[in-house]
Amino acid sequence: MTTISELEKRVASPAGVYLFYGENTYTLNRYLRKIRKNFGEIVPGINEVVLDEDTIQNLISDMETPAFGYEKKLIIVKQAGLVKKDGRGKKNKNATIRDKLQNYLEQNAETIQQSIVLVIIEDTIDACPLAKIIETIGTVYQFQELKTNELIQTIGHTFSLYHVKISVENAKYLLEQVGPDMQNLMNEIWKLVSYKGENGTVAKEDIQQLVVPKIEAVIFDLTDSLGKKEIARAMDVLHGLLYQKEPIQKIFITLYRHFKKLYWVKWAQARGKDPSPILNLKPNQTFLMSKYKRQASYFQEEDLYQLLAQFRNLDKQSKSGEIDLQIGLEMTLCQYCS
């Protein structure tokens, strides 16, 4: 497997075949931009072609057609499912073009290195012959999601590039509010950088004032208020979400899923079990574990069980038209805090 240092060298002077995949789409797209930048002058339709699942049948002909007036052609293939094995009794719908590409790469590896830059982008790949060929003659790289500590370090490093300071504690708070999606994080970082200016320092109050929190972060805030029996504060948070045009159905589902996780944390702890495997958190979500445990301490296991039952009953009643979902949700939360 290609290392990050090797990847840096290979995108600095693009040539041959690249296979990029993984959940960290922000970093993946950053390296794709590097390839396009280092490729040189790009004229779409002449020396650059972008294909997807619907246009992938043109791949071989595009590879065989020279980039008139240019030394190389850049071909980008996005989410075409080429690097997938056939399922049991079911053939990959792009199996024909996949097999043709496999043969073409085997027979023309040297020519491709000189005249084509082929970038294949997928969410996931299978250990198939095509992937092995690309690994042999080109570059295969998996863009994995960053772990929590890596995300916090990345946040601090990004601010430092703009000569703006942020503490580790506030970097973690920003992550909690925005979530681990790198594109969202970068958008909010740039907003804070623009606000504080060079040599500024980001405070928690700046994040609270400027950053748009994900609904999941707001649900944590709402749950804190419920756990402390502060129903007025909980209603303010709920109405704030509605004011921001969040659909009541989305709020209800997110709240139900949140309390379900709190129930499983409480259930696991009561039985001396580790709740982490039950919550199935990704590496970039481990920062949430301590928050789930803290919030679970506000509630009794039976209370959470009954609250989930009330949510399910409310779902049925709202769908049958017996009660308005917003009114029912407010009533349920008020009953818990009474």
C-alpha atoms as a PDB file:
ATOM      1  CA  MET A   1       0.000   0.000   0.000  1.00  0.00           C
ATOM      2  CA  THR A   2       1.232   3.483  -0.877  1.00  0.00           C
ATOM      3  CA  THR A   3       2.436   5.637   2.032  1.00  0.00           C
ATOM      4  CA  ILE A   4       1.472   9.291   2.448  1.00  0.00           C
ATOM      5  CA  SER A   5       5.012  10.445   1.620  1.00  0.00           C
ATOM      6  CA  GLU A   6       4.982   8.358  -1.559  1.00  0.00           C
ATOM      7  CA  LEU A   7       1.566   9.777  -2.441  1.00  0.00           C
ATOM      8  CA  GLU A   8       2.869  13.332  -2.081  1.00  0.00           C
ATOM      9  CA  LYS A   9       5.671  12.590  -4.545  1.00  0.00           C
ATOM     10  CA  ARG A  10       3.394  10.870  -7.040  1.00  0.00           C
ATOM     11  CA  VAL A  11       0.812  13.674  -7.163  1.00  0.00           C
ATOM     12  CA  ALA A  12       3.558  16.288  -7.510  1.00  0.00           C
ATOM     13  CA  SER A  13       4.210  14.940 -11.013  1.00  0.00           C
ATOM     14  CA  PRO A  14       1.033  13.102 -12.060  1.00  0.00           C
ATOM     15  CA  ALA A  15       1.446  10.055 -14.296  1.00  0.00           C
ATOM     16  CA  GLY A  16      -0.208   6.672 -14.730  1.00  0.00           C
ATOM     17  CA  VAL A  17      -3.102   5.254 -12.749  1.00  0.00           C
ATOM     18  CA  TYR A  18      -4.420   6.303  -9.311  1.00  0.00           C
ATOM     19  CA  LEU A  19      -7.060   4.519  -7.252  1.00  0.00           C
ATOM     20  CA  PHE A  20      -8.414   6.644  -4.386  1.00  0.00           C
ATOM     21  CA  TYR A  21     -11.030   5.399  -1.920  1.00  0.00           C
ATOM     22  CA  GLY A  22     -12.187   5.824   1.670  1.00  0.00           C
ATOM     23  CA  GLU A  23     -14.515   7.813   3.901  1.00  0.00           C
ATOM     24  CA  ASN A  24     -12.290  10.871   4.280  1.00  0.00           C
ATOM     25  CA  THR A  25     -13.608  12.567   1.157  1.00  0.00           C
ATOM     26  CA  TYR A  26     -12.258  15.991   2.168  1.00  0.00           C
ATOM     27  CA  THR A  27      -8.622  14.857   2.060  1.00  0.00           C
ATOM     28  CA  LEU A  28      -9.299  12.698  -0.999  1.00  0.00           C
ATOM     29  CA  ASN A  29     -10.655  15.684  -2.909  1.00  0.00           C
ATOM     30  CA  ARG A  30      -7.700  17.783  -1.728  1.00  0.00           C
ATOM     31  CA  TYR A  31      -5.297  15.336  -3.390  1.00  0.00           C
ATOM     32  CA  LEU A  32      -7.452  15.253  -6.501  1.00  0.00           C
ATOM     33  CA  ARG A  33      -7.126  19.043  -6.665  1.00  0.00           C
ATOM     34  CA  LYS A  34      -3.352  18.666  -6.293  1.00  0.00           C
ATOM     35  CA  ILE A  35      -3.270  16.288  -9.249  1.00  0.00           C
ATOM     36  CA  ARG A  36      -5.296  18.709 -11.395  1.00  0.00           C
ATOM     37  CA  LYS A  37      -3.087  21.641 -10.341  1.00  0.00           C
ATOM     38  CA  ASN A  38       0.164  19.795 -11.040  1.00  0.00           C
ATOM     39  CA  PHE A  39      -1.172  18.347 -14.286  1.00  0.00           C
ATOM     40  CA  GLY A  40      -0.849  21.736 -15.943  1.00  0.00           C
ATOM     41  CA  GLU A  41      -3.218  23.441 -18.353  1.00  0.00           C
ATOM     42  CA  ILE A  42      -6.584  21.681 -18.477  1.00  0.00           C
ATOM     43  CA  VAL A  43      -9.098  21.971 -21.309  1.00  0.00           C
ATOM     44  CA  PRO A  44     -12.276  20.004 -20.485  1.00  0.00           C
ATOM     45  CA  GLY A  45     -13.254  17.686 -23.303  1.00  0.00           C
ATOM     46  CA  ILE A  46      -9.800  17.882 -24.886  1.00  0.00           C
ATOM     47  CA  ASN A  47      -7.235  16.804 -22.308  1.00  0.00           C
ATOM     48  CA  GLU A  48      -9.619  16.222 -19.379  1.00  0.00           C
ATOM     49  CA  VAL A  49     -12.561  13.827 -19.230  1.00  0.00           C
ATOM     50  CA  VAL A  50     -14.751  13.159 -16.183  1.00  0.00           C
ATOM     51  CA  LEU A  51     -16.774   9.929 -16.179  1.00  0.00           C
ATOM     52  CA  ASP A  52     -19.250   8.356 -13.792  1.00  0.00           C
ATOM     53  CA  GLU A  53     -21.483   5.316 -13.569  1.00  0.00           C
ATOM     54  CA  ASP A  54     -23.629   6.495 -16.484  1.00  0.00           C
ATOM     55  CA  THR A  55     -20.783   7.398 -18.865  1.00  0.00           C
ATOM     56  CA  ILE A  56     -18.186   4.776 -17.917  1.00  0.00           C
ATOM     57  CA  GLN A  57     -18.761   2.877 -21.195  1.00  0.00           C
ATOM     58  CA  ASN A  58     -16.692   5.591 -22.896  1.00  0.00           C
ATOM     59  CA  LEU A  59     -13.602   4.914 -20.769  1.00  0.00           C
ATOM     60  CA  ILE A  60     -11.536   2.770 -23.139  1.00  0.00           C
ATOM     61  CA  SER A  61     -12.279   4.954 -26.171  1.00  0.00           C
ATOM     62  CA  ASP A  62     -11.344   8.052 -24.160  1.00  0.00           C
ATOM     63  CA  MET A  63      -8.074   6.407 -23.129  1.00  0.00           C
ATOM     64  CA  GLU A  64      -7.287   5.506 -26.753  1.00  0.00           C
ATOM     65  CA  THR A  65      -8.161   8.966 -28.113  1.00  0.00           C
ATOM     66  CA  PRO A  66      -5.138  11.292 -27.921  1.00  0.00           C
ATOM     67  CA  ALA A  67      -5.317  14.695 -26.234  1.00  0.00           C
ATOM     68  CA  PHE A  68      -4.811  16.723 -29.415  1.00  0.00           C
ATOM     69  CA  GLY A  69      -2.164  19.363 -28.830  1.00  0.00           C
ATOM     70  CA  TYR A  70      -1.275  18.101 -25.348  1.00  0.00           C
ATOM     71  CA  GLU A  71       1.195  15.497 -24.090  1.00  0.00           C
ATOM     72  CA  LYS A  72      -1.190  13.843 -21.615  1.00  0.00           C
ATOM     73  CA  LYS A  73      -4.866  13.350 -20.960  1.00  0.00           C
ATOM     74  CA  LEU A  74      -6.437  13.462 -17.497  1.00  0.00           C
ATOM     75  CA  ILE A  75      -9.334  11.020 -17.020  1.00  0.00           C
ATOM     76  CA  ILE A  76     -11.266  11.061 -13.743  1.00  0.00           C
ATOM     77  CA  VAL A  77     -13.709   8.250 -12.981  1.00  0.00           C
ATOM     78  CA  LYS A  78     -16.063   8.857 -10.047  1.00  0.00           C
ATOM     79  CA  GLN A  79     -18.136   6.207  -8.260  1.00  0.00           C
ATOM     80  CA  ALA A  80     -18.514   3.859 -11.219  1.00  0.00           C
ATOM     81  CA  GLY A  81     -18.127   0.675  -9.186  1.00  0.00           C
ATOM     82  CA  LEU A  82     -15.259  -0.563 -11.331  1.00  0.00           C
ATOM     83  CA  VAL A  83     -13.225  -2.021  -8.475  1.00  0.00           C
ATOM     84  CA  LYS A  84     -15.962  -4.378  -7.330  1.00  0.00           C
ATOM     85  CA  LYS A  85     -16.170  -8.143  -7.574  1.00  0.00           C
ATOM     86  CA  ASP A  86     -19.236  -9.879  -8.955  1.00  0.00           C
ATOM     87  CA  GLY A  87     -21.723 -10.826  -6.243  1.00  0.00           C
ATOM     88  CA  ARG A  88     -23.017 -14.329  -5.734  1.00  0.00           C
ATOM     89  CA  GLY A  89     -25.140 -15.088  -8.760  1.00  0.00           C
ATOM     90  CA  LYS A  90     -25.087 -11.411  -9.685  1.00  0.00           C
ATOM     91  CA  LYS A  91     -22.658  -9.798 -12.075  1.00  0.00           C
ATOM     92  CA  ASN A  92     -21.344  -6.278 -11.559  1.00  0.00           C
ATOM     93  CA  LYS A  93     -23.287  -4.186 -14.094  1.00  0.00           C
ATOM     94  CA  ASN A  94     -20.015  -2.599 -15.192  1.00  0.00           C
ATOM     95  CA  ALA A  95     -18.178  -5.951 -15.271  1.00  0.00           C
ATOM     96  CA  THR A  96     -17.593  -5.738 -19.022  1.00  0.00           C
ATOM     97  CA  ILE A  97     -15.854  -2.358 -18.897  1.00  0.00           C
ATOM     98  CA  ARG A  98     -14.019  -3.453 -15.730  1.00  0.00           C
ATOM     99  CA  ASP A  99     -12.606  -6.510 -17.529  1.00  0.00           C
ATOM    100  CA  LYS A 100     -11.716  -4.444 -20.600  1.00  0.00           C
ATOM    101  CA  LEU A 101      -9.890  -1.913 -18.411  1.00  0.00           C
ATOM    102  CA  GLN A 102      -8.037  -4.723 -16.665  1.00  0.00           C
ATOM    103  CA  ASN A 103      -6.804  -6.078 -19.989  1.00  0.00           C
ATOM    104  CA  TYR A 104      -5.993  -2.614 -21.308  1.00  0.00           C
ATOM    105  CA  LEU A 105      -3.862  -1.784 -18.264  1.00  0.00           C
ATOM    106  CA  GLU A 106      -2.008  -5.094 -18.497  1.00  0.00           C
ATOM    107  CA  GLN A 107      -1.174  -4.595 -22.179  1.00  0.00           C
ATOM    108  CA  ASN A 108      -0.477  -0.835 -22.231  1.00  0.00           C
ATOM    109  CA  ALA A 109       1.089  -0.020 -18.857  1.00  0.00           C
ATOM    110  CA  GLU A 110       4.104   1.782 -20.338  1.00  0.00           C
ATOM    111  CA  THR A 111       2.058   3.819 -22.812  1.00  0.00           C
ATOM    112  CA  ILE A 112      -0.410   4.835 -20.103  1.00  0.00           C
ATOM    113  CA  GLN A 113       2.434   6.048 -17.888  1.00  0.00           C
ATOM    114  CA  GLN A 114       3.562   8.383 -20.657  1.00  0.00           C
ATOM    115  CA  SER A 115       0.263   9.681 -22.032  1.00  0.00           C
ATOM    116  CA  ILE A 116      -2.536   9.257 -19.472  1.00  0.00           C
ATOM    117  CA  VAL A 117      -3.341  10.213 -15.907  1.00  0.00           C
ATOM    118  CA  LEU A 118      -6.258   8.021 -14.841  1.00  0.00           C
ATOM    119  CA  VAL A 119      -7.813   8.704 -11.423  1.00  0.00           C
ATOM    120  CA  ILE A 120     -10.453   6.248 -10.198  1.00  0.00           C
ATOM    121  CA  ILE A 121     -12.428   7.344  -7.121  1.00  0.00           C
ATOM    122  CA  GLU A 122     -14.627   4.982  -5.112  1.00  0.00           C
ATOM    123  CA  ASP A 123     -16.139   4.825  -1.627  1.00  0.00           C
ATOM    124  CA  THR A 124     -14.948   1.249  -1.102  1.00  0.00           C
ATOM    125  CA  ILE A 125     -13.120  -1.348  -3.184  1.00  0.00           C
ATOM    126  CA  ASP A 126     -12.857  -5.133  -3.309  1.00  0.00           C
ATOM    127  CA  ALA A 127      -9.702  -7.233  -3.478  1.00  0.00           C
ATOM    128  CA  CYS A 128     -10.204  -7.926  -7.184  1.00  0.00           C
ATOM    129  CA  PRO A 129      -7.738  -8.400 -10.077  1.00  0.00           C
ATOM    130  CA  LEU A 130      -8.221  -4.812 -11.284  1.00  0.00           C
ATOM    131  CA  ALA A 131      -7.220  -3.409  -7.883  1.00  0.00           C
ATOM    132  CA  LYS A 132      -4.119  -5.634  -7.840  1.00  0.00           C
ATOM    133  CA  ILE A 133      -3.078  -4.483 -11.300  1.00  0.00           C
ATOM    134  CA  ILE A 134      -3.452  -0.821 -10.354  1.00  0.00           C
ATOM    135  CA  GLU A 135      -1.415  -1.416  -7.204  1.00  0.00           C
ATOM    136  CA  THR A 136       1.305  -3.017  -9.344  1.00  0.00           C
ATOM    137  CA  ILE A 137       1.551  -0.354 -12.049  1.00  0.00           C
ATOM    138  CA  GLY A 138       0.120   2.708 -10.259  1.00  0.00           C
ATOM    139  CA  THR A 139      -0.972   4.177  -6.947  1.00  0.00           C
ATOM    140  CA  VAL A 140      -3.624   2.875  -4.549  1.00  0.00           C
ATOM    141  CA  TYR A 141      -4.431   4.950  -1.466  1.00  0.00           C
ATOM    142  CA  GLN A 142      -7.136   4.672   1.179  1.00  0.00           C
ATOM    143  CA  PHE A 143      -8.201   7.952   2.766  1.00  0.00           C
ATOM    144  CA  GLN A 144      -9.238   6.880   6.238  1.00  0.00           C
ATOM    145  CA  GLU A 145     -11.263   9.031   8.586  1.00  0.00           C
ATOM    146  CA  LEU A 146      -9.127  10.806  11.150  1.00  0.00           C
ATOM    147  CA  LYS A 147      -9.358   9.715  14.771  1.00  0.00           C
ATOM    148  CA  THR A 148     -10.521  12.176  17.417  1.00  0.00           C
ATOM    149  CA  ASN A 149      -7.038  13.204  18.559  1.00  0.00           C
ATOM    150  CA  GLU A 150      -5.938  13.589  14.928  1.00  0.00           C
ATOM    151  CA  LEU A 151      -8.939  15.802  14.212  1.00  0.00           C
ATOM    152  CA  ILE A 152      -8.146  18.006  17.210  1.00  0.00           C
ATOM    153  CA  GLN A 153      -4.523  18.281  16.080  1.00  0.00           C
ATOM    154  CA  THR A 154      -5.656  19.115  12.551  1.00  0.00           C
ATOM    155  CA  ILE A 155      -7.941  21.866  13.860  1.00  0.00           C
ATOM    156  CA  GLY A 156      -5.098  23.410  15.871  1.00  0.00           C
ATOM    157  CA  HIS A 157      -2.661  23.116  12.971  1.00  0.00           C
ATOM    158  CA  THR A 158      -5.104  24.710  10.516  1.00  0.00           C
ATOM    159  CA  PHE A 159      -5.659  27.702  12.781  1.00  0.00           C
ATOM    160  CA  SER A 160      -1.887  28.074  13.210  1.00  0.00           C
ATOM    161  CA  LEU A 161      -1.462  28.297   9.420  1.00  0.00           C
ATOM    162  CA  TYR A 162      -3.473  31.528   9.591  1.00  0.00           C
ATOM    163  CA  HIS A 163      -1.610  32.678  12.725  1.00  0.00           C
ATOM    164  CA  VAL A 164      -4.683  32.257  14.905  1.00  0.00           C
ATOM    165  CA  LYS A 165      -4.518  30.463  18.259  1.00  0.00           C
ATOM    166  CA  ILE A 166      -7.000  27.999  19.726  1.00  0.00           C
ATOM    167  CA  SER A 167      -6.635  25.878  22.845  1.00  0.00           C
ATOM    168  CA  VAL A 168      -6.950  22.091  22.761  1.00  0.00           C
ATOM    169  CA  GLU A 169     -10.079  22.399  24.897  1.00  0.00           C
ATOM    170  CA  ASN A 170     -11.733  24.827  22.484  1.00  0.00           C
ATOM    171  CA  ALA A 171     -10.630  22.766  19.458  1.00  0.00           C
ATOM    172  CA  LYS A 172     -12.420  19.813  21.037  1.00  0.00           C
ATOM    173  CA  TYR A 173     -15.482  21.990  21.704  1.00  0.00           C
ATOM    174  CA  LEU A 174     -15.509  23.095  18.052  1.00  0.00           C
ATOM    175  CA  LEU A 175     -15.365  19.435  17.002  1.00  0.00           C
ATOM    176  CA  GLU A 176     -18.298  18.627  19.299  1.00  0.00           C
ATOM    177  CA  GLN A 177     -20.376  21.414  17.799  1.00  0.00           C
ATOM    178  CA  VAL A 178     -19.602  20.836  14.126  1.00  0.00           C
ATOM    179  CA  GLY A 179     -18.944  17.093  13.990  1.00  0.00           C
ATOM    180  CA  PRO A 180     -16.076  15.249  12.287  1.00  0.00           C
ATOM    181  CA  ASP A 181     -16.895  16.127   8.675  1.00  0.00           C
ATOM    182  CA  MET A 182     -13.733  17.881   7.473  1.00  0.00           C
ATOM    183  CA  GLN A 183     -15.472  20.129   4.950  1.00  0.00           C
ATOM    184  CA  ASN A 184     -17.854  21.461   7.602  1.00  0.00           C
ATOM    185  CA  LEU A 185     -14.959  21.911  10.025  1.00  0.00           C
ATOM    186  CA  MET A 186     -12.918  23.865   7.477  1.00  0.00           C
ATOM    187  CA  ASN A 187     -15.868  26.117   6.682  1.00  0.00           C
ATOM    188  CA  GLU A 188     -16.311  26.988  10.358  1.00  0.00           C
ATOM    189  CA  ILE A 189     -12.553  27.373  10.906  1.00  0.00           C
ATOM    190  CA  TRP A 190     -12.348  29.862   8.052  1.00  0.00           C
ATOM    191  CA  LYS A 191     -15.279  31.789   9.539  1.00  0.00           C
ATOM    192  CA  LEU A 192     -13.518  32.017  12.910  1.00  0.00           C
ATOM    193  CA  VAL A 193     -10.196  32.930  11.294  1.00  0.00           C
ATOM    194  CA  SER A 194     -11.863  35.767   9.382  1.00  0.00           C
ATOM    195  CA  TYR A 195     -13.512  36.991  12.581  1.00  0.00           C
ATOM    196  CA  LYS A 196     -10.458  36.876  14.871  1.00  0.00           C
ATOM    197  CA  GLY A 197      -7.848  37.989  12.348  1.00  0.00           C
ATOM    198  CA  GLU A 198      -4.102  37.411  12.408  1.00  0.00           C
ATOM    199  CA  ASN A 199      -2.640  36.862  15.903  1.00  0.00           C
ATOM    200  CA  GLY A 200      -6.136  36.448  17.346  1.00  0.00           C
ATOM    201  CA  THR A 201      -7.198  33.777  19.830  1.00  0.00           C
ATOM    202  CA  VAL A 202     -10.425  31.803  19.489  1.00  0.00           C
ATOM    203  CA  ALA A 203     -12.451  31.644  22.717  1.00  0.00           C
ATOM    204  CA  LYS A 204     -15.353  29.352  23.503  1.00  0.00           C
ATOM    205  CA  GLU A 205     -17.682  32.337  23.307  1.00  0.00           C
ATOM    206  CA  ASP A 206     -16.562  32.970  19.703  1.00  0.00           C
ATOM    207  CA  ILE A 207     -17.516  29.408  18.765  1.00  0.00           C
ATOM    208  CA  GLN A 208     -20.892  29.752  20.500  1.00  0.00           C
ATOM    209  CA  GLN A 209     -21.540  33.045  18.726  1.00  0.00           C
ATOM    210  CA  LEU A 210     -20.427  32.197  15.181  1.00  0.00           C
ATOM    211  CA  VAL A 211     -20.512  28.453  14.595  1.00  0.00           C
ATOM    212  CA  VAL A 212     -23.658  26.742  13.341  1.00  0.00           C
ATOM    213  CA  PRO A 213     -23.884  23.539  15.411  1.00  0.00           C
ATOM    214  CA  LYS A 214     -25.061  20.253  13.933  1.00  0.00           C
ATOM    215  CA  ILE A 215     -28.458  19.098  15.102  1.00  0.00           C
ATOM    216  CA  GLU A 216     -26.772  16.264  17.031  1.00  0.00           C
ATOM    217  CA  ALA A 217     -24.810  18.817  19.073  1.00  0.00           C
ATOM    218  CA  VAL A 218     -27.995  20.746  19.836  1.00  0.00           C
ATOM    219  CA  ILE A 219     -29.690  17.516  20.929  1.00  0.00           C
ATOM    220  CA  PHE A 220     -26.886  17.019  23.462  1.00  0.00           C
ATOM    221  CA  ASP A 221     -27.667  20.503  24.791  1.00  0.00           C
ATOM    222  CA  LEU A 222     -31.396  19.740  24.943  1.00  0.00           C
ATOM    223  CA  THR A 223     -30.714  16.460  26.762  1.00  0.00           C
ATOM    224  CA  ASP A 224     -28.517  18.225  29.320  1.00  0.00           C
ATOM    225  CA  SER A 225     -31.457  20.491  30.127  1.00  0.00           C
ATOM    226  CA  LEU A 226     -33.832  17.520  30.433  1.00  0.00           C
ATOM    227  CA  GLY A 227     -31.399  15.677  32.667  1.00  0.00           C
ATOM    228  CA  LYS A 228     -31.240  18.692  34.953  1.00  0.00           C
ATOM    229  CA  LYS A 229     -35.060  19.006  34.854  1.00  0.00           C
ATOM    230  CA  GLU A 230     -34.737  22.456  33.259  1.00  0.00           C
ATOM    231  CA  ILE A 231     -37.791  22.181  31.021  1.00  0.00           C
ATOM    232  CA  ALA A 232     -37.885  25.889  30.081  1.00  0.00           C
ATOM    233  CA  ARG A 233     -34.338  25.689  28.793  1.00  0.00           C
ATOM    234  CA  ALA A 234     -35.120  22.431  26.948  1.00  0.00           C
ATOM    235  CA  MET A 235     -38.113  24.063  25.238  1.00  0.00           C
ATOM    236  CA  ASP A 236     -35.970  27.040  24.232  1.00  0.00           C
ATOM    237  CA  VAL A 237     -33.480  24.686  22.569  1.00  0.00           C
ATOM    238  CA  LEU A 238     -36.285  22.785  20.821  1.00  0.00           C
ATOM    239  CA  HIS A 239     -37.930  25.972  19.564  1.00  0.00           C
ATOM    240  CA  GLY A 240     -34.515  27.236  18.436  1.00  0.00           C
ATOM    241  CA  LEU A 241     -34.177  24.206  16.179  1.00  0.00           C
ATOM    242  CA  LEU A 242     -37.636  24.819  14.755  1.00  0.00           C
ATOM    243  CA  TYR A 243     -36.786  28.501  14.222  1.00  0.00           C
ATOM    244  CA  GLN A 244     -33.750  27.369  12.200  1.00  0.00           C
ATOM    245  CA  LYS A 245     -36.183  25.454   9.932  1.00  0.00           C
ATOM    246  CA  GLU A 246     -35.158  21.990  11.132  1.00  0.00           C
ATOM    247  CA  PRO A 247     -38.074  19.655  10.303  1.00  0.00           C
ATOM    248  CA  ILE A 248     -39.900  18.408  13.400  1.00  0.00           C
ATOM    249  CA  GLN A 249     -39.669  14.843  12.043  1.00  0.00           C
ATOM    250  CA  LYS A 250     -35.868  15.108  11.866  1.00  0.00           C
ATOM    251  CA  ILE A 251     -35.714  16.526  15.397  1.00  0.00           C
ATOM    252  CA  PHE A 252     -37.948  13.738  16.688  1.00  0.00           C
ATOM    253  CA  ILE A 253     -35.938  10.952  15.016  1.00  0.00           C
ATOM    254  CA  THR A 254     -32.605  12.419  16.147  1.00  0.00           C
ATOM    255  CA  LEU A 255     -33.877  12.775  19.707  1.00  0.00           C
ATOM    256  CA  TYR A 256     -35.205   9.192  19.727  1.00  0.00           C
ATOM    257  CA  ARG A 257     -31.897   7.801  18.459  1.00  0.00           C
ATOM    258  CA  HIS A 258     -30.014   9.856  21.047  1.00  0.00           C
ATOM    259  CA  PHE A 259     -32.062   8.561  23.955  1.00  0.00           C
ATOM    260  CA  LYS A 260     -31.767   5.028  22.589  1.00  0.00           C
ATOM    261  CA  LYS A 261     -27.978   5.356  22.796  1.00  0.00           C
ATOM    262  CA  LEU A 262     -28.247   6.680  26.347  1.00  0.00           C
ATOM    263  CA  TYR A 263     -30.422   3.686  27.232  1.00  0.00           C
ATOM    264  CA  TRP A 264     -27.838   1.229  25.873  1.00  0.00           C
ATOM    265  CA  VAL A 265     -25.060   3.022  27.745  1.00  0.00           C
ATOM    266  CA  LYS A 266     -27.074   2.758  30.964  1.00  0.00           C
ATOM    267  CA  TRP A 267     -27.964  -0.889  30.220  1.00  0.00           C
ATOM    268  CA  ALA A 268     -24.336  -1.835  29.562  1.00  0.00           C
ATOM    269  CA  GLN A 269     -23.004  -0.026  32.630  1.00  0.00           C
ATOM    270  CA  ALA A 270     -25.569  -1.721  34.899  1.00  0.00           C
ATOM    271  CA  ARG A 271     -24.273  -5.087  33.708  1.00  0.00           C
ATOM    272  CA  GLY A 272     -20.593  -4.257  33.919  1.00  0.00           C
ATOM    273  CA  LYS A 273     -20.171  -4.119  30.160  1.00  0.00           C
ATOM    274  CA  ASP A 274     -18.310  -1.680  27.941  1.00  0.00           C
ATOM    275  CA  PRO A 275     -20.932   0.360  25.997  1.00  0.00           C
ATOM    276  CA  SER A 276     -18.497   1.337  23.215  1.00  0.00           C
ATOM    277  CA  PRO A 277     -19.107  -1.717  20.974  1.00  0.00           C
ATOM    278  CA  ILE A 278     -22.884  -1.276  21.318  1.00  0.00           C
ATOM    279  CA  LEU A 279     -22.766   2.355  20.166  1.00  0.00           C
ATOM    280  CA  ASN A 280     -20.521   1.363  17.239  1.00  0.00           C
ATOM    281  CA  LEU A 281     -18.793   4.749  17.155  1.00  0.00           C
ATOM    282  CA  LYS A 282     -16.366   5.477  14.333  1.00  0.00           C
ATOM    283  CA  PRO A 283     -12.743   6.403  15.154  1.00  0.00           C
ATOM    284  CA  ASN A 284     -13.573  10.075  14.594  1.00  0.00           C
ATOM    285  CA  GLN A 285     -16.565   9.900  16.967  1.00  0.00           C
ATOM    286  CA  THR A 286     -14.892   8.546  20.093  1.00  0.00           C
ATOM    287  CA  PHE A 287     -14.981  12.021  21.653  1.00  0.00           C
ATOM    288  CA  LEU A 288     -18.739  11.455  22.087  1.00  0.00           C
ATOM    289  CA  MET A 289     -18.308   8.494  24.436  1.00  0.00           C
ATOM    290  CA  SER A 290     -17.637  10.583  27.534  1.00  0.00           C
ATOM    291  CA  LYS A 291     -20.640  12.798  26.699  1.00  0.00           C
ATOM    292  CA  TYR A 292     -22.962   9.808  26.356  1.00  0.00           C
ATOM    293  CA  LYS A 293     -21.756   8.423  29.693  1.00  0.00           C
ATOM    294  CA  ARG A 294     -22.194  11.790  31.417  1.00  0.00           C
ATOM    295  CA  GLN A 295     -25.695  12.273  30.066  1.00  0.00           C
ATOM    296  CA  ALA A 296     -26.703   8.694  30.864  1.00  0.00           C
ATOM    297  CA  SER A 297     -25.886   9.446  34.510  1.00  0.00           C
ATOM    298  CA  TYR A 298     -28.809  11.905  34.582  1.00  0.00           C
ATOM    299  CA  PHE A 299     -31.349   9.135  34.006  1.00  0.00           C
ATOM    300  CA  GLN A 300     -32.467   5.829  35.442  1.00  0.00           C
ATOM    301  CA  GLU A 301     -32.527   2.861  33.086  1.00  0.00           C
ATOM    302  CA  GLU A 302     -36.263   2.389  33.597  1.00  0.00           C
ATOM    303  CA  ASP A 303     -36.943   6.064  32.906  1.00  0.00           C
ATOM    304  CA  LEU A 304     -35.111   5.863  29.591  1.00  0.00           C
ATOM    305  CA  TYR A 305     -36.963   2.651  28.694  1.00  0.00           C
ATOM    306  CA  GLN A 306     -40.324   4.310  29.381  1.00  0.00           C
ATOM    307  CA  LEU A 307     -39.341   7.473  27.530  1.00  0.00           C
ATOM    308  CA  LEU A 308     -38.439   5.454  24.422  1.00  0.00           C
ATOM    309  CA  ALA A 309     -41.784   3.660  24.675  1.00  0.00           C
ATOM    310  CA  GLN A 310     -43.544   7.047  24.798  1.00  0.00           C
ATOM    311  CA  PHE A 311     -41.620   8.175  21.722  1.00  0.00           C
ATOM    312  CA  ARG A 312     -42.700   5.080  19.802  1.00  0.00           C
ATOM    313  CA  ASN A 313     -46.308   5.597  20.840  1.00  0.00           C
ATOM    314  CA  LEU A 314     -46.120   9.264  19.828  1.00  0.00           C
ATOM    315  CA  ASP A 315     -44.780   8.206  16.427  1.00  0.00           C
ATOM    316  CA  LYS A 316     -47.833   5.984  15.858  1.00  0.00           C
ATOM    317  CA  GLN A 317     -50.280   8.632  17.078  1.00  0.00           C
ATOM    318  CA  SER A 318     -48.791  11.398  14.932  1.00  0.00           C
ATOM    319  CA  LYS A 319     -48.826   9.203  11.816  1.00  0.00           C
ATOM    320  CA  SER A 320     -52.482   8.300  12.391  1.00  0.00           C
ATOM    321  CA  GLY A 321     -53.399  11.953  12.880  1.00  0.00           C
ATOM    322  CA  GLU A 322     -54.350  11.595  16.559  1.00  0.00           C
ATOM    323  CA  ILE A 323     -51.889  14.275  17.665  1.00  0.00           C
ATOM    324  CA  ASP A 324     -49.584  16.903  16.175  1.00  0.00           C
ATOM    325  CA  LEU A 325     -45.985  15.679  16.401  1.00  0.00           C
ATOM    326  CA  GLN A 326     -44.577  18.941  17.789  1.00  0.00           C
ATOM    327  CA  ILE A 327     -47.266  19.230  20.467  1.00  0.00           C
ATOM    328  CA  GLY A 328     -46.871  15.562  21.352  1.00  0.00           C
ATOM    329  CA  LEU A 329     -43.089  15.886  21.644  1.00  0.00           C
ATOM    330  CA  GLU A 330     -43.389  18.950  23.873  1.00  0.00           C
ATOM    331  CA  MET A 331     -45.938  17.138  26.062  1.00  0.00           C
ATOM    332  CA  THR A 332     -43.687  14.076  26.354  1.00  0.00           C
ATOM    333  CA  LEU A 333     -40.682  16.150  27.403  1.00  0.00           C
ATOM    334  CA  CYS A 334     -42.758  18.177  29.882  1.00  0.00           C
ATOM    335  CA  GLN A 335     -44.166  14.980  31.429  1.00  0.00           C
ATOM    336  CA  TYR A 336     -40.651  13.648  31.953  1.00  0.00           C
ATOM    337  CA  CYS A 337     -39.572  16.828  33.738  1.00  0.00           C
ATOM    338  CA  SER A 338     -42.728  17.094  35.850  1.00  0.00           C
END
